[in-house]
Amino acid sequence: MFLDRFRRIVATGLLFVVCACGGGRSPGAPVNDPPDGGDVPGAPQRTDPVRVPTAPINIPPIFDKQGLPIDQVRELVSSEIRDACGDGELCVDVVVDRGDSDTIDECSYLTSDPASHPDEDFVLDRGSTLTLLTGSRTPCG
């Protein structure tokens, strides 16, 4: 009699443990998704991999290209950025704009924004823009 009663108590206790741990979740359902599809406060949320922030990249210095044809500089810089991005993609926009200095013609590279400094890589966030500035003197020589 004592043994039968003990077995019923243990069986009831196990039933409560199984129900409490299982919570009515269907097999294969993610742990943090409630059965009704609502959000659980404090539960980690899924992220969209496209929107996950990625590390910034180091761009080699380009100050030493001053005076070179702007098309050549843009090609070199774009190639260096593709290498730095690591996936062959151009993860930083490279644009050309006319600067305000008349010391160099508008077909030649003058500086960049953000500026490049001697012997130092500079860091750009993926998706940002690097502007290559030309001089303002015309005509092109």
Protein backbone atom coordinates (compact mmCIF):
# COMPACT_ATOMS: atom_id res chain seq x y z
CA MET A 1 0.00 0.00 0.00
CA PHE A 2 2.79 2.41 0.90
CA LEU A 3 4.65 1.48 -2.29
CA ASP A 4 1.57 2.15 -4.50
CA ARG A 5 1.04 5.54 -2.89
CA PHE A 6 4.74 6.42 -3.31
CA ARG A 7 4.59 5.47 -7.02
CA ARG A 8 1.53 7.72 -7.57
CA ILE A 9 3.27 10.65 -5.86
CA VAL A 10 6.41 10.18 -7.96
CA ALA A 11 4.37 9.80 -11.17
CA THR A 12 2.40 12.98 -10.39
CA GLY A 13 5.62 14.87 -9.62
CA LEU A 14 7.19 13.73 -12.90
CA LEU A 15 4.07 14.78 -14.77
CA PHE A 16 4.37 18.30 -13.28
CA VAL A 17 8.07 18.48 -14.17
CA VAL A 18 7.47 17.38 -17.77
CA CYS A 19 4.61 19.85 -18.20
CA ALA A 20 6.59 22.70 -16.65
CA CYS A 21 9.67 22.07 -18.79
CA GLY A 22 7.86 21.34 -22.03
CA GLY A 23 5.40 24.21 -21.74
CA GLY A 24 3.28 22.84 -24.56
CA ARG A 25 5.94 23.71 -27.14
CA SER A 26 5.71 21.76 -30.36
CA PRO A 27 8.76 19.68 -31.30
CA GLY A 28 11.32 21.70 -33.23
CA ALA A 29 9.86 25.10 -32.23
CA PRO A 30 12.50 27.69 -31.22
CA VAL A 31 12.80 28.14 -27.48
CA ASN A 32 12.27 31.92 -27.50
CA ASP A 33 9.18 31.90 -29.76
CA PRO A 34 5.93 31.53 -27.81
CA PRO A 35 3.30 29.20 -29.31
CA ASP A 36 0.97 32.12 -30.15
CA GLY A 37 3.70 33.96 -32.13
CA GLY A 38 3.86 36.96 -29.75
CA ASP A 39 7.01 38.45 -28.27
CA VAL A 40 8.28 37.30 -24.93
CA PRO A 41 9.55 40.26 -22.88
CA GLY A 42 13.32 40.04 -22.37
CA ALA A 43 13.77 37.20 -24.87
CA PRO A 44 16.53 37.61 -27.44
CA GLN A 45 15.17 38.64 -30.82
CA ARG A 46 16.16 37.26 -34.16
CA THR A 47 18.30 39.57 -36.26
CA ASP A 48 18.31 40.13 -39.97
CA PRO A 49 21.86 39.23 -41.10
CA VAL A 50 21.83 42.02 -43.69
CA ARG A 51 21.39 44.62 -40.95
CA VAL A 52 23.96 43.27 -38.52
CA PRO A 53 26.70 45.89 -38.17
CA THR A 54 30.06 44.85 -39.50
CA ALA A 55 33.55 45.94 -38.67
CA PRO A 56 34.95 49.10 -40.24
CA ILE A 57 37.75 48.71 -42.77
CA ASN A 58 41.24 50.17 -42.95
CA ILE A 59 41.97 52.11 -46.14
CA PRO A 60 45.65 52.47 -47.09
CA PRO A 61 46.90 56.08 -47.23
CA ILE A 62 46.22 57.84 -50.52
CA PHE A 63 47.73 61.26 -49.82
CA ASP A 64 50.80 60.31 -51.89
CA LYS A 65 48.73 60.07 -55.08
CA GLN A 66 48.35 63.85 -55.24
CA GLY A 67 48.73 65.18 -58.79
CA LEU A 68 47.95 61.86 -60.50
CA PRO A 69 45.02 61.70 -62.95
CA ILE A 70 41.78 61.42 -60.97
CA ASP A 71 40.54 58.43 -63.00
CA GLN A 72 43.73 56.51 -62.19
CA VAL A 73 43.48 57.39 -58.48
CA ARG A 74 39.81 56.35 -58.35
CA GLU A 75 40.66 52.99 -59.94
CA LEU A 76 43.58 52.37 -57.54
CA VAL A 77 41.60 53.41 -54.46
CA SER A 78 38.57 51.34 -55.48
CA SER A 79 40.81 48.30 -55.93
CA GLU A 80 42.41 48.82 -52.50
CA ILE A 81 38.98 49.18 -50.90
CA ARG A 82 37.74 45.97 -52.58
CA ASP A 83 40.76 44.16 -51.10
CA ALA A 84 40.12 45.67 -47.66
CA CYS A 85 36.41 44.73 -47.79
CA GLY A 86 37.50 41.13 -48.17
CA ASP A 87 34.69 39.90 -50.39
CA GLY A 88 35.57 41.56 -53.69
CA GLU A 89 32.73 44.03 -53.24
CA LEU A 90 33.13 47.78 -53.02
CA CYS A 91 31.76 48.27 -49.49
CA VAL A 92 32.60 52.02 -49.42
CA ASP A 93 31.28 54.40 -52.07
CA VAL A 94 34.07 56.22 -53.91
CA VAL A 95 32.99 59.49 -55.50
CA VAL A 96 34.85 62.32 -57.21
CA ASP A 97 34.13 65.97 -56.55
CA ARG A 98 35.79 69.22 -57.53
CA GLY A 99 37.74 70.86 -54.73
CA ASP A 100 38.30 74.58 -54.23
CA SER A 101 42.08 74.70 -54.64
CA ASP A 102 43.43 76.20 -57.88
CA THR A 103 46.92 74.74 -57.36
CA ILE A 104 45.93 71.58 -59.32
CA ASP A 105 43.64 71.16 -62.32
CA GLU A 106 40.22 69.55 -62.10
CA CYS A 107 41.45 66.33 -63.76
CA SER A 108 44.05 65.62 -61.06
CA TYR A 109 43.71 64.21 -57.54
CA LEU A 110 44.28 66.73 -54.75
CA THR A 111 43.02 65.24 -51.47
CA SER A 112 40.20 63.19 -49.98
CA ASP A 113 37.34 63.58 -47.55
CA PRO A 114 37.94 62.15 -45.02
CA ALA A 115 41.56 63.16 -45.41
CA SER A 116 44.38 60.65 -45.71
CA HIS A 117 47.51 61.21 -43.62
CA PRO A 118 51.12 60.12 -44.25
CA ASP A 119 52.11 56.63 -43.10
CA GLU A 120 48.73 55.94 -41.56
CA ASP A 121 45.72 53.90 -42.63
CA PHE A 122 42.41 55.52 -42.04
CA VAL A 123 39.26 53.74 -40.95
CA LEU A 124 35.97 53.95 -42.80
CA ASP A 125 32.67 52.32 -41.95
CA ARG A 126 31.19 49.99 -44.51
CA GLY A 127 28.53 51.82 -46.47
CA SER A 128 30.20 55.21 -45.95
CA THR A 129 31.51 57.47 -48.72
CA LEU A 130 35.08 58.42 -49.59
CA THR A 131 35.22 61.57 -51.69
CA LEU A 132 38.25 62.09 -53.91
CA LEU A 133 38.72 65.81 -54.50
CA THR A 134 40.31 67.32 -57.57
CA GLY A 135 41.72 70.77 -58.01
CA SER A 136 39.61 73.57 -59.44
CA ARG A 137 41.98 74.98 -62.09
CA THR A 138 40.81 74.64 -65.68
CA PRO A 139 41.54 73.53 -68.28
CA CYS A 140 43.01 70.11 -67.60
CA GLY A 141 46.64 69.89 -68.59
